[in-house]
Amino acid sequence: MNKSEEIFKKYNHPCADDLIPILQDIQKENGFLSEVSVKEVSKFLKLPSSRIYGVATFYNQFRFTPVGKYHISVCRGTACHVLGSATVLQEIEHTLKIKAGNTSRDGLFSIEVVACIGACGLAPVISINGEFYAQVTSESIKTIIDEYRTKES
């Protein structure tokens, strides 16, 4: 039995209203929504894949590619923007040699831009796998990323 089938067991009387919770469960389990998982959901809920993609692409919580082992969320909310998060984002992209929305070739890092992390008093803020870094600067980014690279050595 694959992971999707295990998730489907939780839904006794599946209907279209279960689509978002099912997608959330699959993404939580797999880290993203694969083409295969979308097809499995389509079959399970008897909905066209195009409808599932339509819903999943509407909400920015869903991803169609795997994230890195260290997923970096860069806040671009008002306070972070005013205090330099654009420069921080550029430095992260430069240091990792990838753009926001992508994962590094080695699978270690991915970057996501978020509208607001909710830590405005600490701006600019980034989060790596839920660990917050406050008042980051383009200078501190290299040190932070190097710490994670060192963990992998």
C-alpha atoms as a PDB file:
ATOM      1  CA  MET A   1       0.000   0.000   0.000  1.00  0.00           C
ATOM      2  CA  ASN A   2       1.438   3.380  -0.961  1.00  0.00           C
ATOM      3  CA  LYS A   3       1.345   6.540   1.148  1.00  0.00           C
ATOM      4  CA  SER A   4      -1.634   8.031  -0.703  1.00  0.00           C
ATOM      5  CA  GLU A   5      -3.715   4.911  -0.121  1.00  0.00           C
ATOM      6  CA  GLU A   6      -2.939   5.110   3.598  1.00  0.00           C
ATOM      7  CA  ILE A   7      -4.115   8.735   3.621  1.00  0.00           C
ATOM      8  CA  PHE A   8      -7.289   7.859   1.697  1.00  0.00           C
ATOM      9  CA  LYS A   9      -8.257   5.369   4.424  1.00  0.00           C
ATOM     10  CA  LYS A  10      -8.993   8.329   6.709  1.00  0.00           C
ATOM     11  CA  TYR A  11     -11.821   9.453   4.411  1.00  0.00           C
ATOM     12  CA  ASN A  12     -14.764   7.058   4.735  1.00  0.00           C
ATOM     13  CA  HIS A  13     -17.151   8.883   2.426  1.00  0.00           C
ATOM     14  CA  PRO A  14     -14.883  10.835   0.085  1.00  0.00           C
ATOM     15  CA  CYS A  15     -16.278  13.860  -1.673  1.00  0.00           C
ATOM     16  CA  ALA A  16     -15.022  17.036  -3.322  1.00  0.00           C
ATOM     17  CA  ASP A  17     -15.077  18.820   0.061  1.00  0.00           C
ATOM     18  CA  ASP A  18     -12.213  16.539   1.134  1.00  0.00           C
ATOM     19  CA  LEU A  19      -9.914  17.759  -1.645  1.00  0.00           C
ATOM     20  CA  ILE A  20      -7.934  20.378   0.308  1.00  0.00           C
ATOM     21  CA  PRO A  21      -7.479  18.255   3.455  1.00  0.00           C
ATOM     22  CA  ILE A  22      -6.348  15.316   1.309  1.00  0.00           C
ATOM     23  CA  LEU A  23      -3.859  17.506  -0.581  1.00  0.00           C
ATOM     24  CA  GLN A  24      -2.588  18.873   2.732  1.00  0.00           C
ATOM     25  CA  ASP A  25      -2.136  15.347   4.087  1.00  0.00           C
ATOM     26  CA  ILE A  26      -0.281  14.205   0.973  1.00  0.00           C
ATOM     27  CA  GLN A  27       1.991  17.232   0.997  1.00  0.00           C
ATOM     28  CA  LYS A  28       2.687  16.769   4.699  1.00  0.00           C
ATOM     29  CA  GLU A  29       3.667  13.152   4.038  1.00  0.00           C
ATOM     30  CA  ASN A  30       5.645  13.665   0.804  1.00  0.00           C
ATOM     31  CA  GLY A  31       6.777  17.277   1.073  1.00  0.00           C
ATOM     32  CA  PHE A  32       5.049  18.192  -2.194  1.00  0.00           C
ATOM     33  CA  LEU A  33       2.295  17.139  -4.600  1.00  0.00           C
ATOM     34  CA  SER A  34       3.670  14.911  -7.339  1.00  0.00           C
ATOM     35  CA  GLU A  35       1.972  14.299 -10.668  1.00  0.00           C
ATOM     36  CA  VAL A  36       1.343  10.725  -9.530  1.00  0.00           C
ATOM     37  CA  SER A  37      -0.300  11.844  -6.287  1.00  0.00           C
ATOM     38  CA  VAL A  38      -2.558  14.285  -8.154  1.00  0.00           C
ATOM     39  CA  LYS A  39      -3.676  11.429 -10.418  1.00  0.00           C
ATOM     40  CA  GLU A  40      -4.317   9.218  -7.385  1.00  0.00           C
ATOM     41  CA  VAL A  41      -6.449  11.931  -5.774  1.00  0.00           C
ATOM     42  CA  SER A  42      -8.281  12.409  -9.068  1.00  0.00           C
ATOM     43  CA  LYS A  43      -9.164   8.723  -9.169  1.00  0.00           C
ATOM     44  CA  PHE A  44     -10.047   8.575  -5.455  1.00  0.00           C
ATOM     45  CA  LEU A  45     -12.371  11.609  -5.527  1.00  0.00           C
ATOM     46  CA  LYS A  46     -13.589  11.007  -9.085  1.00  0.00           C
ATOM     47  CA  LEU A  47     -12.555  14.530 -10.069  1.00  0.00           C
ATOM     48  CA  PRO A  48     -10.603  15.604 -13.141  1.00  0.00           C
ATOM     49  CA  SER A  49      -6.908  16.237 -12.543  1.00  0.00           C
ATOM     50  CA  SER A  50      -7.373  19.714 -14.018  1.00  0.00           C
ATOM     51  CA  ARG A  51      -9.717  20.603 -11.158  1.00  0.00           C
ATOM     52  CA  ILE A  52      -7.226  19.338  -8.592  1.00  0.00           C
ATOM     53  CA  TYR A  53      -4.423  21.366 -10.192  1.00  0.00           C
ATOM     54  CA  GLY A  54      -6.749  24.366 -10.325  1.00  0.00           C
ATOM     55  CA  VAL A  55      -7.394  24.203  -6.593  1.00  0.00           C
ATOM     56  CA  ALA A  56      -3.794  23.393  -5.678  1.00  0.00           C
ATOM     57  CA  THR A  57      -2.351  26.239  -7.765  1.00  0.00           C
ATOM     58  CA  PHE A  58      -4.848  28.713  -6.313  1.00  0.00           C
ATOM     59  CA  TYR A  59      -3.454  28.242  -2.795  1.00  0.00           C
ATOM     60  CA  ASN A  60       0.204  29.117  -2.328  1.00  0.00           C
ATOM     61  CA  GLN A  61       0.558  26.512   0.442  1.00  0.00           C
ATOM     62  CA  PHE A  62       0.843  23.740  -2.135  1.00  0.00           C
ATOM     63  CA  ARG A  63       4.083  22.829  -3.929  1.00  0.00           C
ATOM     64  CA  PHE A  64       4.692  20.657  -6.972  1.00  0.00           C
ATOM     65  CA  THR A  65       8.410  20.167  -6.451  1.00  0.00           C
ATOM     66  CA  PRO A  66      10.249  18.806  -3.427  1.00  0.00           C
ATOM     67  CA  VAL A  67      11.756  21.292  -0.998  1.00  0.00           C
ATOM     68  CA  GLY A  68      15.310  21.083   0.239  1.00  0.00           C
ATOM     69  CA  LYS A  69      16.377  19.513   3.480  1.00  0.00           C
ATOM     70  CA  TYR A  70      16.730  23.092   4.717  1.00  0.00           C
ATOM     71  CA  HIS A  71      13.743  25.089   3.515  1.00  0.00           C
ATOM     72  CA  ILE A  72      14.323  28.832   3.775  1.00  0.00           C
ATOM     73  CA  SER A  73      11.278  31.105   4.031  1.00  0.00           C
ATOM     74  CA  VAL A  74      12.031  34.757   3.386  1.00  0.00           C
ATOM     75  CA  CYS A  75       9.488  37.220   4.732  1.00  0.00           C
ATOM     76  CA  ARG A  76       8.530  39.998   2.339  1.00  0.00           C
ATOM     77  CA  GLY A  77       5.899  41.623   4.555  1.00  0.00           C
ATOM     78  CA  THR A  78       5.821  45.391   4.946  1.00  0.00           C
ATOM     79  CA  ALA A  79       8.161  45.653   7.940  1.00  0.00           C
ATOM     80  CA  CYS A  80      10.650  43.212   6.426  1.00  0.00           C
ATOM     81  CA  HIS A  81      10.457  44.948   3.064  1.00  0.00           C
ATOM     82  CA  VAL A  82      11.124  48.381   4.578  1.00  0.00           C
ATOM     83  CA  LEU A  83      14.082  46.984   6.539  1.00  0.00           C
ATOM     84  CA  GLY A  84      15.769  45.312   3.582  1.00  0.00           C
ATOM     85  CA  SER A  85      14.362  41.851   2.930  1.00  0.00           C
ATOM     86  CA  ALA A  86      14.807  42.327  -0.837  1.00  0.00           C
ATOM     87  CA  THR A  87      18.564  42.579  -0.320  1.00  0.00           C
ATOM     88  CA  VAL A  88      18.481  39.580   2.033  1.00  0.00           C
ATOM     89  CA  LEU A  89      16.610  37.535  -0.585  1.00  0.00           C
ATOM     90  CA  GLN A  90      19.115  38.529  -3.276  1.00  0.00           C
ATOM     91  CA  GLU A  91      22.002  37.470  -1.025  1.00  0.00           C
ATOM     92  CA  ILE A  92      20.399  34.091  -0.286  1.00  0.00           C
ATOM     93  CA  GLU A  93      19.828  33.506  -4.005  1.00  0.00           C
ATOM     94  CA  HIS A  94      23.404  34.565  -4.781  1.00  0.00           C
ATOM     95  CA  THR A  95      24.931  32.418  -2.009  1.00  0.00           C
ATOM     96  CA  LEU A  96      22.931  29.309  -2.940  1.00  0.00           C
ATOM     97  CA  LYS A  97      23.016  29.984  -6.700  1.00  0.00           C
ATOM     98  CA  ILE A  98      19.273  29.341  -7.008  1.00  0.00           C
ATOM     99  CA  LYS A  99      16.220  31.578  -7.311  1.00  0.00           C
ATOM    100  CA  ALA A 100      13.243  31.689  -4.974  1.00  0.00           C
ATOM    101  CA  GLY A 101      10.907  28.790  -5.658  1.00  0.00           C
ATOM    102  CA  ASN A 102      13.765  26.418  -6.469  1.00  0.00           C
ATOM    103  CA  THR A 103      15.791  23.749  -4.718  1.00  0.00           C
ATOM    104  CA  SER A 104      19.562  23.428  -4.898  1.00  0.00           C
ATOM    105  CA  ARG A 105      20.933  20.575  -7.027  1.00  0.00           C
ATOM    106  CA  ASP A 106      22.235  18.776  -3.958  1.00  0.00           C
ATOM    107  CA  GLY A 107      18.733  18.914  -2.431  1.00  0.00           C
ATOM    108  CA  LEU A 108      19.975  20.696   0.680  1.00  0.00           C
ATOM    109  CA  PHE A 109      18.376  24.121   0.271  1.00  0.00           C
ATOM    110  CA  SER A 110      15.192  25.584  -1.118  1.00  0.00           C
ATOM    111  CA  ILE A 111      13.931  29.155  -1.006  1.00  0.00           C
ATOM    112  CA  GLU A 112      10.366  30.344  -0.629  1.00  0.00           C
ATOM    113  CA  VAL A 113       9.147  33.929  -0.469  1.00  0.00           C
ATOM    114  CA  VAL A 114       6.269  34.387   1.976  1.00  0.00           C
ATOM    115  CA  ALA A 115       3.968  37.369   2.371  1.00  0.00           C
ATOM    116  CA  CYS A 116       4.425  37.581   6.143  1.00  0.00           C
ATOM    117  CA  ILE A 117       5.976  35.339   8.765  1.00  0.00           C
ATOM    118  CA  GLY A 118       4.271  37.262  11.573  1.00  0.00           C
ATOM    119  CA  ALA A 119       7.400  38.402  13.376  1.00  0.00           C
ATOM    120  CA  CYS A 120       7.364  42.033  12.302  1.00  0.00           C
ATOM    121  CA  GLY A 121       9.182  43.278  15.385  1.00  0.00           C
ATOM    122  CA  LEU A 122      12.178  41.146  14.387  1.00  0.00           C
ATOM    123  CA  ALA A 123      12.342  42.342  10.767  1.00  0.00           C
ATOM    124  CA  PRO A 124      13.830  41.395   8.454  1.00  0.00           C
ATOM    125  CA  VAL A 125      13.195  37.755   9.273  1.00  0.00           C
ATOM    126  CA  ILE A 126      13.892  34.426   7.628  1.00  0.00           C
ATOM    127  CA  SER A 127      12.919  30.972   8.786  1.00  0.00           C
ATOM    128  CA  ILE A 128      14.821  27.765   8.084  1.00  0.00           C
ATOM    129  CA  ASN A 129      12.713  24.697   8.814  1.00  0.00           C
ATOM    130  CA  GLY A 130      10.744  26.756  11.333  1.00  0.00           C
ATOM    131  CA  GLU A 131      13.773  28.231  13.123  1.00  0.00           C
ATOM    132  CA  PHE A 132      13.608  32.017  12.995  1.00  0.00           C
ATOM    133  CA  TYR A 133      16.531  34.342  12.338  1.00  0.00           C
ATOM    134  CA  ALA A 134      15.858  37.951  13.290  1.00  0.00           C
ATOM    135  CA  GLN A 135      17.257  41.180  11.900  1.00  0.00           C
ATOM    136  CA  VAL A 136      19.150  39.332   9.205  1.00  0.00           C
ATOM    137  CA  THR A 137      21.416  41.229   6.869  1.00  0.00           C
ATOM    138  CA  SER A 138      23.067  40.303   3.622  1.00  0.00           C
ATOM    139  CA  GLU A 139      26.265  39.917   5.670  1.00  0.00           C
ATOM    140  CA  SER A 140      24.738  37.480   8.183  1.00  0.00           C
ATOM    141  CA  ILE A 141      23.179  35.266   5.486  1.00  0.00           C
ATOM    142  CA  LYS A 142      26.475  33.671   4.462  1.00  0.00           C
ATOM    143  CA  THR A 143      27.238  32.791   8.103  1.00  0.00           C
ATOM    144  CA  ILE A 144      23.777  31.277   8.626  1.00  0.00           C
ATOM    145  CA  ILE A 145      23.961  29.196   5.446  1.00  0.00           C
ATOM    146  CA  ASP A 146      27.516  28.103   6.250  1.00  0.00           C
ATOM    147  CA  GLU A 147      26.267  26.768   9.613  1.00  0.00           C
ATOM    148  CA  TYR A 148      23.829  24.498   7.789  1.00  0.00           C
ATOM    149  CA  ARG A 149      26.471  23.402   5.283  1.00  0.00           C
ATOM    150  CA  THR A 150      28.777  22.549   8.186  1.00  0.00           C
ATOM    151  CA  LYS A 151      26.051  20.285   9.642  1.00  0.00           C
ATOM    152  CA  GLU A 152      26.185  18.296   6.410  1.00  0.00           C
ATOM    153  CA  SER A 153      29.982  17.884   6.397  1.00  0.00           C
END
